[in-house]
Amino acid sequence: MKYILCVLVGYFLGALSCSIILSKAKYLMDIRRDGSGNAGATNMARVHGMGAGLLTLGGDMLKTALAGGIGWLLAGRPGLITACAACLIGHCWPVYYRFKGGKGVSVAVMIALLLDWKMLLILAVIFFGVFALSRRVSLCSVISALCFTPVYLLCGNPRDGGLALCIATAVVVIFCHRSNIRRLLRGEEQPFVPGKKR
């Protein structure tokens, strides 16, 4: 029963899309109908500027932390891992918004922080290093996702549910970026410019 509660809490918290809520409340529009059409922090920054993007990122990280915290209170580390996994699924496929959500990067950021702050620090260096060279957030996200599990192990973390969560997170993030990957391979992916629709 505890793990069922972790799944339910994680999923329904994750399904609260901060980008959709913010875009409708502040900008009177649905972010999924503008820019890249994605309900995520990058598209919010692309359409409405860095402030909106950072606010979305913070909100999505907060809901993940809340889900993980409730999971921890219910069932310890296994509960945290279960709730975070469900939160990721809810974020990407939210029942409230016809299962059209974000691509999981914001949730992955908080998952990394909850598992090991050193892991997040290394992944941040990788992300911003790739961004400095490419200016393409999707490429940064995919490469960081590929590094997610190796970095977890590099930091000396246990081969337990945390490892399974890392693998699942990487798979989901990469899967949700499949259209970006196709554009990257074709050389059609546009560089990130805050406040400029693409």
N, C-alpha and C. Protein backbone atom coordinates (compact mmCIF):
# COMPACT_ATOMS: atom_id res chain seq x y z
N MET A 1 0.82 -1.21 0.00
CA MET A 1 0.00 0.00 0.00
C MET A 1 0.86 1.27 0.00
N LYS A 2 1.97 1.24 0.75
CA LYS A 2 2.85 2.41 0.78
C LYS A 2 3.40 2.74 -0.60
N TYR A 3 3.79 1.71 -1.32
CA TYR A 3 4.37 1.95 -2.65
C TYR A 3 3.31 2.38 -3.66
N ILE A 4 2.10 1.89 -3.48
CA ILE A 4 1.00 2.36 -4.34
C ILE A 4 0.77 3.84 -4.11
N LEU A 5 0.81 4.26 -2.84
CA LEU A 5 0.66 5.67 -2.52
C LEU A 5 1.80 6.50 -3.11
N CYS A 6 3.01 5.95 -3.06
CA CYS A 6 4.15 6.65 -3.64
C CYS A 6 3.95 6.87 -5.14
N VAL A 7 3.45 5.84 -5.82
CA VAL A 7 3.21 5.94 -7.26
C VAL A 7 2.13 6.98 -7.55
N LEU A 8 1.04 6.92 -6.80
CA LEU A 8 -0.08 7.85 -7.03
C LEU A 8 0.33 9.29 -6.75
N VAL A 9 0.97 9.51 -5.61
CA VAL A 9 1.41 10.86 -5.25
C VAL A 9 2.41 11.37 -6.28
N GLY A 10 3.38 10.53 -6.62
CA GLY A 10 4.40 10.94 -7.58
C GLY A 10 3.81 11.28 -8.94
N TYR A 11 2.93 10.42 -9.43
CA TYR A 11 2.37 10.64 -10.76
C TYR A 11 1.51 11.90 -10.81
N PHE A 12 0.60 12.05 -9.87
CA PHE A 12 -0.33 13.18 -9.94
C PHE A 12 0.34 14.51 -9.62
N LEU A 13 1.42 14.50 -8.83
CA LEU A 13 2.20 15.72 -8.66
C LEU A 13 2.99 16.01 -9.93
N GLY A 14 3.59 14.97 -10.50
CA GLY A 14 4.36 15.14 -11.73
C GLY A 14 3.52 15.64 -12.88
N ALA A 15 2.25 15.24 -12.89
CA ALA A 15 1.35 15.62 -13.99
C ALA A 15 0.94 17.08 -13.95
N LEU A 16 1.29 17.78 -12.86
CA LEU A 16 1.02 19.22 -12.79
C LEU A 16 2.11 19.93 -13.59
N SER A 17 1.78 20.38 -14.78
CA SER A 17 2.76 21.01 -15.67
C SER A 17 2.90 22.50 -15.34
N CYS A 18 4.05 22.86 -14.81
CA CYS A 18 4.27 24.26 -14.43
C CYS A 18 4.26 25.18 -15.65
N SER A 19 4.75 24.69 -16.79
CA SER A 19 4.77 25.53 -17.98
C SER A 19 3.36 25.82 -18.49
N ILE A 20 2.51 24.82 -18.46
CA ILE A 20 1.13 25.01 -18.92
C ILE A 20 0.36 25.92 -17.96
N ILE A 21 0.54 25.67 -16.66
CA ILE A 21 -0.15 26.48 -15.66
C ILE A 21 0.30 27.94 -15.76
N LEU A 22 1.61 28.16 -15.86
CA LEU A 22 2.14 29.52 -15.93
C LEU A 22 1.74 30.22 -17.23
N SER A 23 1.82 29.49 -18.34
CA SER A 23 1.49 30.12 -19.63
C SER A 23 0.02 30.52 -19.70
N LYS A 24 -0.84 29.72 -19.11
CA LYS A 24 -2.27 30.05 -19.12
C LYS A 24 -2.61 31.16 -18.13
N ALA A 25 -1.97 31.12 -16.94
CA ALA A 25 -2.29 32.10 -15.91
C ALA A 25 -1.69 33.47 -16.21
N LYS A 26 -0.44 33.51 -16.67
CA LYS A 26 0.25 34.79 -16.87
C LYS A 26 0.16 35.32 -18.30
N TYR A 27 0.24 34.41 -19.26
CA TYR A 27 0.31 34.85 -20.66
C TYR A 27 -0.96 34.56 -21.45
N LEU A 28 -1.94 33.95 -20.78
CA LEU A 28 -3.25 33.68 -21.38
C LEU A 28 -3.14 32.88 -22.68
N MET A 29 -2.25 31.88 -22.66
CA MET A 29 -2.08 31.02 -23.82
C MET A 29 -1.58 29.66 -23.34
N ASP A 30 -1.60 28.70 -24.24
CA ASP A 30 -1.09 27.36 -23.93
C ASP A 30 0.27 27.21 -24.60
N ILE A 31 1.31 27.03 -23.80
CA ILE A 31 2.66 26.97 -24.33
C ILE A 31 2.83 25.87 -25.37
N ARG A 32 1.98 24.86 -25.33
CA ARG A 32 2.07 23.76 -26.30
C ARG A 32 1.64 24.18 -27.70
N ARG A 33 1.09 25.40 -27.82
CA ARG A 33 0.67 25.90 -29.12
C ARG A 33 1.60 26.98 -29.65
N ASP A 34 2.77 27.10 -29.04
CA ASP A 34 3.72 28.13 -29.48
C ASP A 34 5.14 27.58 -29.40
N GLY A 35 6.06 28.25 -30.06
CA GLY A 35 7.45 27.81 -30.03
C GLY A 35 7.60 26.42 -30.61
N SER A 36 8.28 25.56 -29.84
CA SER A 36 8.49 24.18 -30.28
C SER A 36 7.27 23.30 -30.01
N GLY A 37 6.33 23.83 -29.23
CA GLY A 37 5.14 23.05 -28.89
C GLY A 37 5.32 22.16 -27.67
N ASN A 38 6.49 22.24 -27.05
CA ASN A 38 6.76 21.41 -25.87
C ASN A 38 6.39 22.13 -24.58
N ALA A 39 5.84 21.38 -23.64
CA ALA A 39 5.46 21.95 -22.35
C ALA A 39 6.62 21.83 -21.37
N GLY A 40 7.68 22.57 -21.63
CA GLY A 40 8.85 22.50 -20.78
C GLY A 40 9.51 23.85 -20.56
N ALA A 41 10.53 23.85 -19.71
CA ALA A 41 11.21 25.10 -19.35
C ALA A 41 11.91 25.74 -20.54
N THR A 42 12.51 24.93 -21.40
CA THR A 42 13.23 25.49 -22.55
C THR A 42 12.30 26.24 -23.49
N ASN A 43 11.15 25.66 -23.76
CA ASN A 43 10.20 26.33 -24.65
C ASN A 43 9.63 27.58 -24.01
N MET A 44 9.42 27.55 -22.70
CA MET A 44 8.96 28.75 -21.99
C MET A 44 10.00 29.86 -22.11
N ALA A 45 11.27 29.51 -21.96
CA ALA A 45 12.34 30.51 -22.08
C ALA A 45 12.43 31.01 -23.52
N ARG A 46 12.25 30.11 -24.46
CA ARG A 46 12.33 30.49 -25.87
C ARG A 46 11.21 31.47 -26.24
N VAL A 47 10.02 31.23 -25.73
CA VAL A 47 8.86 32.05 -26.10
C VAL A 47 8.72 33.30 -25.22
N HIS A 48 8.91 33.14 -23.91
CA HIS A 48 8.62 34.23 -22.98
C HIS A 48 9.83 34.79 -22.25
N GLY A 49 11.02 34.27 -22.51
CA GLY A 49 12.22 34.80 -21.88
C GLY A 49 12.74 33.92 -20.75
N MET A 50 13.97 34.22 -20.31
CA MET A 50 14.64 33.38 -19.32
C MET A 50 13.92 33.36 -17.98
N GLY A 51 13.27 34.46 -17.61
CA GLY A 51 12.56 34.49 -16.34
C GLY A 51 11.47 33.43 -16.29
N ALA A 52 10.69 33.35 -17.34
CA ALA A 52 9.63 32.35 -17.41
C ALA A 52 10.20 30.94 -17.45
N GLY A 53 11.33 30.78 -18.15
CA GLY A 53 11.96 29.47 -18.23
C GLY A 53 12.48 29.01 -16.89
N LEU A 54 13.13 29.91 -16.16
CA LEU A 54 13.68 29.57 -14.86
C LEU A 54 12.57 29.31 -13.84
N LEU A 55 11.49 30.06 -13.93
CA LEU A 55 10.36 29.85 -13.04
C LEU A 55 9.74 28.47 -13.28
N THR A 56 9.65 28.09 -14.54
CA THR A 56 9.12 26.77 -14.89
C THR A 56 10.05 25.67 -14.38
N LEU A 57 11.34 25.86 -14.60
CA LEU A 57 12.33 24.89 -14.12
C LEU A 57 12.23 24.72 -12.61
N GLY A 58 12.15 25.84 -11.89
CA GLY A 58 12.04 25.78 -10.44
C GLY A 58 10.78 25.09 -9.97
N GLY A 59 9.66 25.37 -10.64
CA GLY A 59 8.41 24.73 -10.26
C GLY A 59 8.43 23.24 -10.49
N ASP A 60 8.99 22.82 -11.62
CA ASP A 60 9.06 21.39 -11.91
C ASP A 60 10.02 20.67 -10.97
N MET A 61 11.10 21.33 -10.60
CA MET A 61 12.02 20.74 -9.62
C MET A 61 11.36 20.64 -8.25
N LEU A 62 10.58 21.66 -7.89
CA LEU A 62 9.92 21.67 -6.59
C LEU A 62 8.90 20.54 -6.47
N LYS A 63 8.12 20.30 -7.53
CA LYS A 63 7.13 19.23 -7.46
C LYS A 63 7.82 17.87 -7.36
N THR A 64 8.99 17.73 -8.00
CA THR A 64 9.74 16.48 -7.91
C THR A 64 10.28 16.28 -6.50
N ALA A 65 10.79 17.36 -5.91
CA ALA A 65 11.29 17.29 -4.53
C ALA A 65 10.17 16.94 -3.56
N LEU A 66 8.99 17.52 -3.79
CA LEU A 66 7.84 17.24 -2.94
C LEU A 66 7.43 15.78 -3.06
N ALA A 67 7.38 15.29 -4.30
CA ALA A 67 7.02 13.88 -4.51
C ALA A 67 8.04 12.96 -3.84
N GLY A 68 9.33 13.27 -4.05
CA GLY A 68 10.37 12.45 -3.44
C GLY A 68 10.33 12.51 -1.93
N GLY A 69 10.06 13.70 -1.37
CA GLY A 69 9.98 13.84 0.08
C GLY A 69 8.84 13.04 0.68
N ILE A 70 7.68 13.08 0.03
CA ILE A 70 6.54 12.30 0.50
C ILE A 70 6.85 10.81 0.39
N GLY A 71 7.49 10.42 -0.73
CA GLY A 71 7.87 9.02 -0.89
C GLY A 71 8.82 8.58 0.21
N TRP A 72 9.76 9.46 0.56
CA TRP A 72 10.71 9.15 1.65
C TRP A 72 9.99 8.96 2.98
N LEU A 73 9.05 9.82 3.26
CA LEU A 73 8.30 9.72 4.52
C LEU A 73 7.46 8.44 4.56
N LEU A 74 6.96 8.02 3.42
CA LEU A 74 6.12 6.83 3.36
C LEU A 74 6.92 5.54 3.43
N ALA A 75 8.06 5.50 2.73
CA ALA A 75 8.78 4.21 2.63
C ALA A 75 10.29 4.36 2.52
N GLY A 76 10.86 5.45 3.03
CA GLY A 76 12.31 5.60 3.00
C GLY A 76 12.86 5.78 1.59
N ARG A 77 14.11 5.38 1.38
CA ARG A 77 14.75 5.54 0.08
C ARG A 77 13.99 4.83 -1.05
N PRO A 78 13.52 3.60 -0.85
CA PRO A 78 12.73 2.97 -1.93
C PRO A 78 11.48 3.77 -2.29
N GLY A 79 10.86 4.39 -1.29
CA GLY A 79 9.69 5.21 -1.55
C GLY A 79 10.03 6.47 -2.34
N LEU A 80 11.17 7.07 -1.99
CA LEU A 80 11.63 8.25 -2.74
C LEU A 80 11.88 7.90 -4.20
N ILE A 81 12.55 6.79 -4.42
CA ILE A 81 12.87 6.36 -5.79
C ILE A 81 11.60 6.06 -6.57
N THR A 82 10.66 5.39 -5.94
CA THR A 82 9.39 5.05 -6.59
C THR A 82 8.61 6.31 -6.95
N ALA A 83 8.52 7.24 -6.00
CA ALA A 83 7.75 8.47 -6.22
C ALA A 83 8.40 9.32 -7.31
N CYS A 84 9.72 9.38 -7.33
CA CYS A 84 10.42 10.17 -8.36
C CYS A 84 10.21 9.57 -9.74
N ALA A 85 10.24 8.25 -9.83
CA ALA A 85 9.99 7.60 -11.12
C ALA A 85 8.58 7.90 -11.61
N ALA A 86 7.61 7.83 -10.71
CA ALA A 86 6.23 8.13 -11.07
C ALA A 86 6.06 9.59 -11.44
N CYS A 87 6.79 10.47 -10.76
CA CYS A 87 6.74 11.90 -11.06
C CYS A 87 7.25 12.18 -12.47
N LEU A 88 8.31 11.49 -12.86
CA LEU A 88 8.86 11.64 -14.20
C LEU A 88 7.83 11.23 -15.26
N ILE A 89 7.17 10.11 -15.02
CA ILE A 89 6.15 9.63 -15.96
C ILE A 89 4.99 10.63 -16.03
N GLY A 90 4.57 11.13 -14.88
CA GLY A 90 3.49 12.10 -14.84
C GLY A 90 3.85 13.39 -15.56
N HIS A 91 5.10 13.82 -15.41
CA HIS A 91 5.56 15.04 -16.08
C HIS A 91 5.53 14.90 -17.60
N CYS A 92 5.97 13.77 -18.08
CA CYS A 92 6.06 13.56 -19.53
C CYS A 92 4.72 13.19 -20.15
N TRP A 93 3.89 12.48 -19.39
CA TRP A 93 2.58 12.04 -19.90
C TRP A 93 1.49 12.36 -18.87
N PRO A 94 1.17 13.67 -18.73
CA PRO A 94 0.23 14.10 -17.70
C PRO A 94 -1.24 13.84 -18.05
N VAL A 95 -1.94 13.20 -17.14
CA VAL A 95 -3.34 12.88 -17.37
C VAL A 95 -4.19 14.14 -17.46
N TYR A 96 -3.77 15.22 -16.80
CA TYR A 96 -4.54 16.45 -16.80
C TYR A 96 -4.52 17.16 -18.16
N TYR A 97 -3.52 16.88 -18.96
CA TYR A 97 -3.33 17.62 -20.22
C TYR A 97 -3.27 16.69 -21.43
N ARG A 98 -4.12 15.68 -21.41
CA ARG A 98 -4.22 14.74 -22.53
C ARG A 98 -2.88 14.06 -22.82
N PHE A 99 -2.12 13.83 -21.76
CA PHE A 99 -0.86 13.08 -21.83
C PHE A 99 0.21 13.74 -22.71
N LYS A 100 0.11 15.06 -22.86
CA LYS A 100 1.13 15.80 -23.62
C LYS A 100 1.85 16.74 -22.66
N GLY A 101 3.03 16.32 -22.21
CA GLY A 101 3.76 17.11 -21.23
C GLY A 101 5.15 17.50 -21.68
N GLY A 102 6.06 17.60 -20.70
CA GLY A 102 7.43 17.99 -20.99
C GLY A 102 8.30 16.80 -21.38
N LYS A 103 9.61 17.05 -21.45
CA LYS A 103 10.54 16.00 -21.89
C LYS A 103 11.39 15.44 -20.76
N GLY A 104 11.07 15.84 -19.53
CA GLY A 104 11.67 15.19 -18.36
C GLY A 104 12.95 15.77 -17.83
N VAL A 105 13.50 16.79 -18.47
CA VAL A 105 14.80 17.30 -18.05
C VAL A 105 14.74 17.97 -16.68
N SER A 106 13.73 18.79 -16.45
CA SER A 106 13.60 19.48 -15.16
C SER A 106 13.46 18.49 -14.02
N VAL A 107 12.67 17.45 -14.25
CA VAL A 107 12.49 16.41 -13.23
C VAL A 107 13.81 15.66 -13.02
N ALA A 108 14.52 15.39 -14.11
CA ALA A 108 15.80 14.68 -14.01
C ALA A 108 16.82 15.48 -13.19
N VAL A 109 16.77 16.80 -13.31
CA VAL A 109 17.68 17.65 -12.53
C VAL A 109 17.48 17.41 -11.03
N MET A 110 16.22 17.41 -10.60
CA MET A 110 15.95 17.20 -9.18
C MET A 110 16.23 15.77 -8.76
N ILE A 111 15.97 14.81 -9.64
CA ILE A 111 16.29 13.41 -9.32
C ILE A 111 17.78 13.28 -9.05
N ALA A 112 18.60 13.90 -9.89
CA ALA A 112 20.05 13.85 -9.68
C ALA A 112 20.43 14.47 -8.34
N LEU A 113 19.81 15.59 -8.01
CA LEU A 113 20.11 16.26 -6.75
C LEU A 113 19.70 15.40 -5.56
N LEU A 114 18.55 14.76 -5.65
CA LEU A 114 18.07 13.92 -4.55
C LEU A 114 18.94 12.67 -4.37
N LEU A 115 19.48 12.17 -5.47
CA LEU A 115 20.31 10.97 -5.38
C LEU A 115 21.72 11.30 -4.88
N ASP A 116 22.30 12.39 -5.40
CA ASP A 116 23.67 12.74 -5.02
C ASP A 116 24.00 14.12 -5.60
N TRP A 117 24.25 15.10 -4.73
CA TRP A 117 24.52 16.46 -5.22
C TRP A 117 25.76 16.50 -6.10
N LYS A 118 26.73 15.61 -5.84
CA LYS A 118 27.94 15.59 -6.68
C LYS A 118 27.58 15.16 -8.10
N MET A 119 26.65 14.27 -8.21
CA MET A 119 26.18 13.81 -9.52
C MET A 119 25.59 14.97 -10.30
N LEU A 120 24.78 15.77 -9.65
CA LEU A 120 24.18 16.93 -10.30
C LEU A 120 25.25 17.92 -10.73
N LEU A 121 26.24 18.13 -9.91
CA LEU A 121 27.31 19.07 -10.23
C LEU A 121 28.07 18.63 -11.49
N ILE A 122 28.39 17.36 -11.58
CA ILE A 122 29.12 16.84 -12.75
C ILE A 122 28.26 16.94 -14.00
N LEU A 123 26.99 16.58 -13.88
CA LEU A 123 26.08 16.66 -15.03
C LEU A 123 25.88 18.10 -15.48
N ALA A 124 25.86 19.03 -14.53
CA ALA A 124 25.73 20.45 -14.89
C ALA A 124 26.93 20.92 -15.69
N VAL A 125 28.12 20.48 -15.30
CA VAL A 125 29.34 20.83 -16.04
C VAL A 125 29.26 20.27 -17.47
N ILE A 126 28.80 19.04 -17.59
CA ILE A 126 28.65 18.42 -18.91
C ILE A 126 27.63 19.20 -19.74
N PHE A 127 26.47 19.49 -19.14
CA PHE A 127 25.39 20.19 -19.85
C PHE A 127 25.87 21.54 -20.38
N PHE A 128 26.43 22.35 -19.49
CA PHE A 128 26.82 23.70 -19.90
C PHE A 128 28.06 23.69 -20.79
N GLY A 129 28.90 22.67 -20.64
CA GLY A 129 30.04 22.54 -21.54
C GLY A 129 29.59 22.27 -22.97
N VAL A 130 28.63 21.37 -23.11
CA VAL A 130 28.09 21.07 -24.44
C VAL A 130 27.34 22.28 -24.99
N PHE A 131 26.63 22.97 -24.11
CA PHE A 131 25.88 24.15 -24.57
C PHE A 131 26.82 25.24 -25.09
N ALA A 132 27.94 25.42 -24.40
CA ALA A 132 28.90 26.44 -24.83
C ALA A 132 29.43 26.15 -26.23
N LEU A 133 29.50 24.88 -26.58
CA LEU A 133 30.02 24.48 -27.89
C LEU A 133 28.95 24.44 -28.97
N SER A 134 27.71 24.09 -28.57
CA SER A 134 26.67 23.84 -29.58
C SER A 134 25.52 24.83 -29.59
N ARG A 135 25.21 25.42 -28.43
CA ARG A 135 24.06 26.32 -28.25
C ARG A 135 22.73 25.60 -28.48
N ARG A 136 22.74 24.28 -28.42
CA ARG A 136 21.52 23.50 -28.63
C ARG A 136 21.16 22.74 -27.37
N VAL A 137 20.08 23.16 -26.72
CA VAL A 137 19.68 22.58 -25.44
C VAL A 137 19.33 21.10 -25.58
N SER A 138 18.72 20.74 -26.68
CA SER A 138 18.35 19.33 -26.87
C SER A 138 19.58 18.43 -26.88
N LEU A 139 20.65 18.86 -27.53
CA LEU A 139 21.88 18.07 -27.54
C LEU A 139 22.46 17.96 -26.14
N CYS A 140 22.44 19.07 -25.40
CA CYS A 140 22.92 19.06 -24.01
C CYS A 140 22.12 18.06 -23.17
N SER A 141 20.80 18.06 -23.37
CA SER A 141 19.92 17.19 -22.60
C SER A 141 20.17 15.72 -22.91
N VAL A 142 20.32 15.40 -24.19
CA VAL A 142 20.53 14.01 -24.60
C VAL A 142 21.88 13.51 -24.09
N ILE A 143 22.93 14.30 -24.25
CA ILE A 143 24.26 13.87 -23.79
C ILE A 143 24.27 13.73 -22.26
N SER A 144 23.63 14.65 -21.56
CA SER A 144 23.56 14.56 -20.10
C SER A 144 22.79 13.31 -19.68
N ALA A 145 21.72 12.98 -20.41
CA ALA A 145 20.96 11.77 -20.12
C ALA A 145 21.81 10.52 -20.33
N LEU A 146 22.61 10.52 -21.39
CA LEU A 146 23.51 9.39 -21.65
C LEU A 146 24.54 9.22 -20.53
N CYS A 147 24.91 10.34 -19.91
CA CYS A 147 25.90 10.32 -18.83
C CYS A 147 25.28 10.05 -17.46
N PHE A 148 23.97 10.07 -17.39
CA PHE A 148 23.27 10.01 -16.11
C PHE A 148 23.70 8.81 -15.27
N THR A 149 23.61 7.62 -15.84
CA THR A 149 23.94 6.40 -15.10
C THR A 149 25.43 6.27 -14.83
N PRO A 150 26.31 6.49 -15.82
CA PRO A 150 27.75 6.41 -15.53
C PRO A 150 28.20 7.37 -14.43
N VAL A 151 27.64 8.58 -14.43
CA VAL A 151 28.03 9.55 -13.40
C VAL A 151 27.53 9.09 -12.03
N TYR A 152 26.34 8.53 -11.98
CA TYR A 152 25.81 7.97 -10.72
C TYR A 152 26.77 6.95 -10.15
N LEU A 153 27.26 6.05 -10.99
CA LEU A 153 28.19 5.02 -10.54
C LEU A 153 29.55 5.60 -10.23
N LEU A 154 29.99 6.58 -11.01
CA LEU A 154 31.28 7.23 -10.79
C LEU A 154 31.35 7.87 -9.40
N CYS A 155 30.21 8.36 -8.93
CA CYS A 155 30.16 9.01 -7.62
C CYS A 155 30.12 8.00 -6.48
N GLY A 156 30.19 6.71 -6.82
CA GLY A 156 30.25 5.68 -5.79
C GLY A 156 28.91 5.33 -5.16
N ASN A 157 27.84 5.59 -5.87
CA ASN A 157 26.52 5.30 -5.33
C ASN A 157 26.19 3.81 -5.45
N PRO A 158 25.30 3.31 -4.59
CA PRO A 158 24.98 1.88 -4.57
C PRO A 158 24.22 1.41 -5.81
N ARG A 159 24.43 0.14 -6.15
CA ARG A 159 23.71 -0.47 -7.27
C ARG A 159 22.37 -0.99 -6.76
N ASP A 160 21.49 -0.05 -6.44
CA ASP A 160 20.19 -0.41 -5.89
C ASP A 160 19.10 0.22 -6.75
N GLY A 161 18.00 0.58 -6.14
CA GLY A 161 16.92 1.23 -6.87
C GLY A 161 17.32 2.55 -7.49
N GLY A 162 18.33 3.20 -6.90
CA GLY A 162 18.82 4.44 -7.46
C GLY A 162 19.41 4.24 -8.85
N LEU A 163 20.12 3.14 -9.04
CA LEU A 163 20.68 2.82 -10.35
C LEU A 163 19.56 2.57 -11.36
N ALA A 164 18.54 1.84 -10.94
CA ALA A 164 17.39 1.59 -11.82
C ALA A 164 16.69 2.89 -12.19
N LEU A 165 16.58 3.80 -11.22
CA LEU A 165 15.95 5.09 -11.49
C LEU A 165 16.77 5.90 -12.49
N CYS A 166 18.09 5.85 -12.37
CA CYS A 166 18.96 6.56 -13.32
C CYS A 166 18.78 6.03 -14.74
N ILE A 167 18.76 4.71 -14.87
CA ILE A 167 18.58 4.11 -16.19
C ILE A 167 17.23 4.50 -16.78
N ALA A 168 16.18 4.40 -15.95
CA ALA A 168 14.83 4.74 -16.41
C ALA A 168 14.75 6.21 -16.80
N THR A 169 15.36 7.09 -16.02
CA THR A 169 15.34 8.52 -16.31
C THR A 169 16.02 8.81 -17.64
N ALA A 170 17.18 8.20 -17.86
CA ALA A 170 17.91 8.40 -19.11
C ALA A 170 17.08 7.93 -20.31
N VAL A 171 16.46 6.77 -20.17
CA VAL A 171 15.66 6.21 -21.27
C VAL A 171 14.49 7.13 -21.60
N VAL A 172 13.78 7.61 -20.57
CA VAL A 172 12.62 8.47 -20.78
C VAL A 172 13.02 9.79 -21.43
N VAL A 173 14.07 10.42 -20.90
CA VAL A 173 14.51 11.71 -21.44
C VAL A 173 14.94 11.57 -22.90
N ILE A 174 15.70 10.54 -23.21
CA ILE A 174 16.15 10.34 -24.59
C ILE A 174 14.97 10.02 -25.50
N PHE A 175 14.05 9.18 -25.02
CA PHE A 175 12.86 8.85 -25.82
C PHE A 175 12.04 10.10 -26.12
N CYS A 176 11.88 10.96 -25.14
CA CYS A 176 11.08 12.17 -25.33
C CYS A 176 11.78 13.18 -26.25
N HIS A 177 13.07 13.01 -26.46
CA HIS A 177 13.82 13.90 -27.36
C HIS A 177 14.03 13.28 -28.74
N ARG A 178 13.29 12.25 -29.07
CA ARG A 178 13.52 11.54 -30.34
C ARG A 178 13.35 12.45 -31.55
N SER A 179 12.37 13.37 -31.51
CA SER A 179 12.21 14.29 -32.65
C SER A 179 13.38 15.26 -32.73
N ASN A 180 13.91 15.68 -31.57
CA ASN A 180 15.08 16.56 -31.56
C ASN A 180 16.31 15.83 -32.12
N ILE A 181 16.43 14.56 -31.77
CA ILE A 181 17.57 13.77 -32.24
C ILE A 181 17.54 13.67 -33.76
N ARG A 182 16.34 13.46 -34.31
CA ARG A 182 16.22 13.39 -35.77
C ARG A 182 16.64 14.72 -36.41
N ARG A 183 16.22 15.83 -35.80
CA ARG A 183 16.59 17.14 -36.35
C ARG A 183 18.09 17.39 -36.20
N LEU A 184 18.66 16.95 -35.10
CA LEU A 184 20.10 17.10 -34.90
C LEU A 184 20.88 16.33 -35.96
N LEU A 185 20.42 15.13 -36.25
CA LEU A 185 21.10 14.30 -37.26
C LEU A 185 20.99 14.91 -38.65
N ARG A 186 19.88 15.62 -38.89
CA ARG A 186 19.68 16.26 -40.19
C ARG A 186 20.30 17.66 -40.23
N GLY A 187 20.81 18.12 -39.11
CA GLY A 187 21.39 19.46 -39.04
C GLY A 187 20.35 20.56 -39.03
N GLU A 188 19.13 20.24 -38.59
CA GLU A 188 18.03 21.20 -38.63
C GLU A 188 17.67 21.77 -37.26
N GLU A 189 18.28 21.27 -36.20
CA GLU A 189 17.95 21.76 -34.86
C GLU A 189 18.48 23.17 -34.68
N GLN A 190 17.60 24.07 -34.23
CA GLN A 190 17.97 25.48 -34.10
C GLN A 190 18.67 25.76 -32.77
N PRO A 191 19.60 26.71 -32.74
CA PRO A 191 20.24 27.09 -31.48
C PRO A 191 19.23 27.77 -30.56
N PHE A 192 19.51 27.70 -29.27
CA PHE A 192 18.60 28.27 -28.27
C PHE A 192 18.83 29.78 -28.16
N VAL A 193 17.73 30.53 -28.30
CA VAL A 193 17.76 31.99 -28.15
C VAL A 193 16.61 32.37 -27.23
N PRO A 194 16.86 32.82 -26.00
CA PRO A 194 15.78 33.19 -25.08
C PRO A 194 14.90 34.29 -25.64
N GLY A 195 13.60 34.12 -25.46
CA GLY A 195 12.65 35.14 -25.88
C GLY A 195 12.45 35.23 -27.37
N LYS A 196 13.01 34.24 -28.11
CA LYS A 196 12.83 34.25 -29.57
C LYS A 196 12.24 32.93 -30.00
N LYS A 197 11.05 32.98 -30.57
CA LYS A 197 10.34 31.77 -30.94
C LYS A 197 11.09 31.03 -32.06
N ARG A 198 11.04 29.65 -31.92
CA ARG A 198 11.66 28.84 -32.95
C ARG A 198 10.70 27.77 -33.41
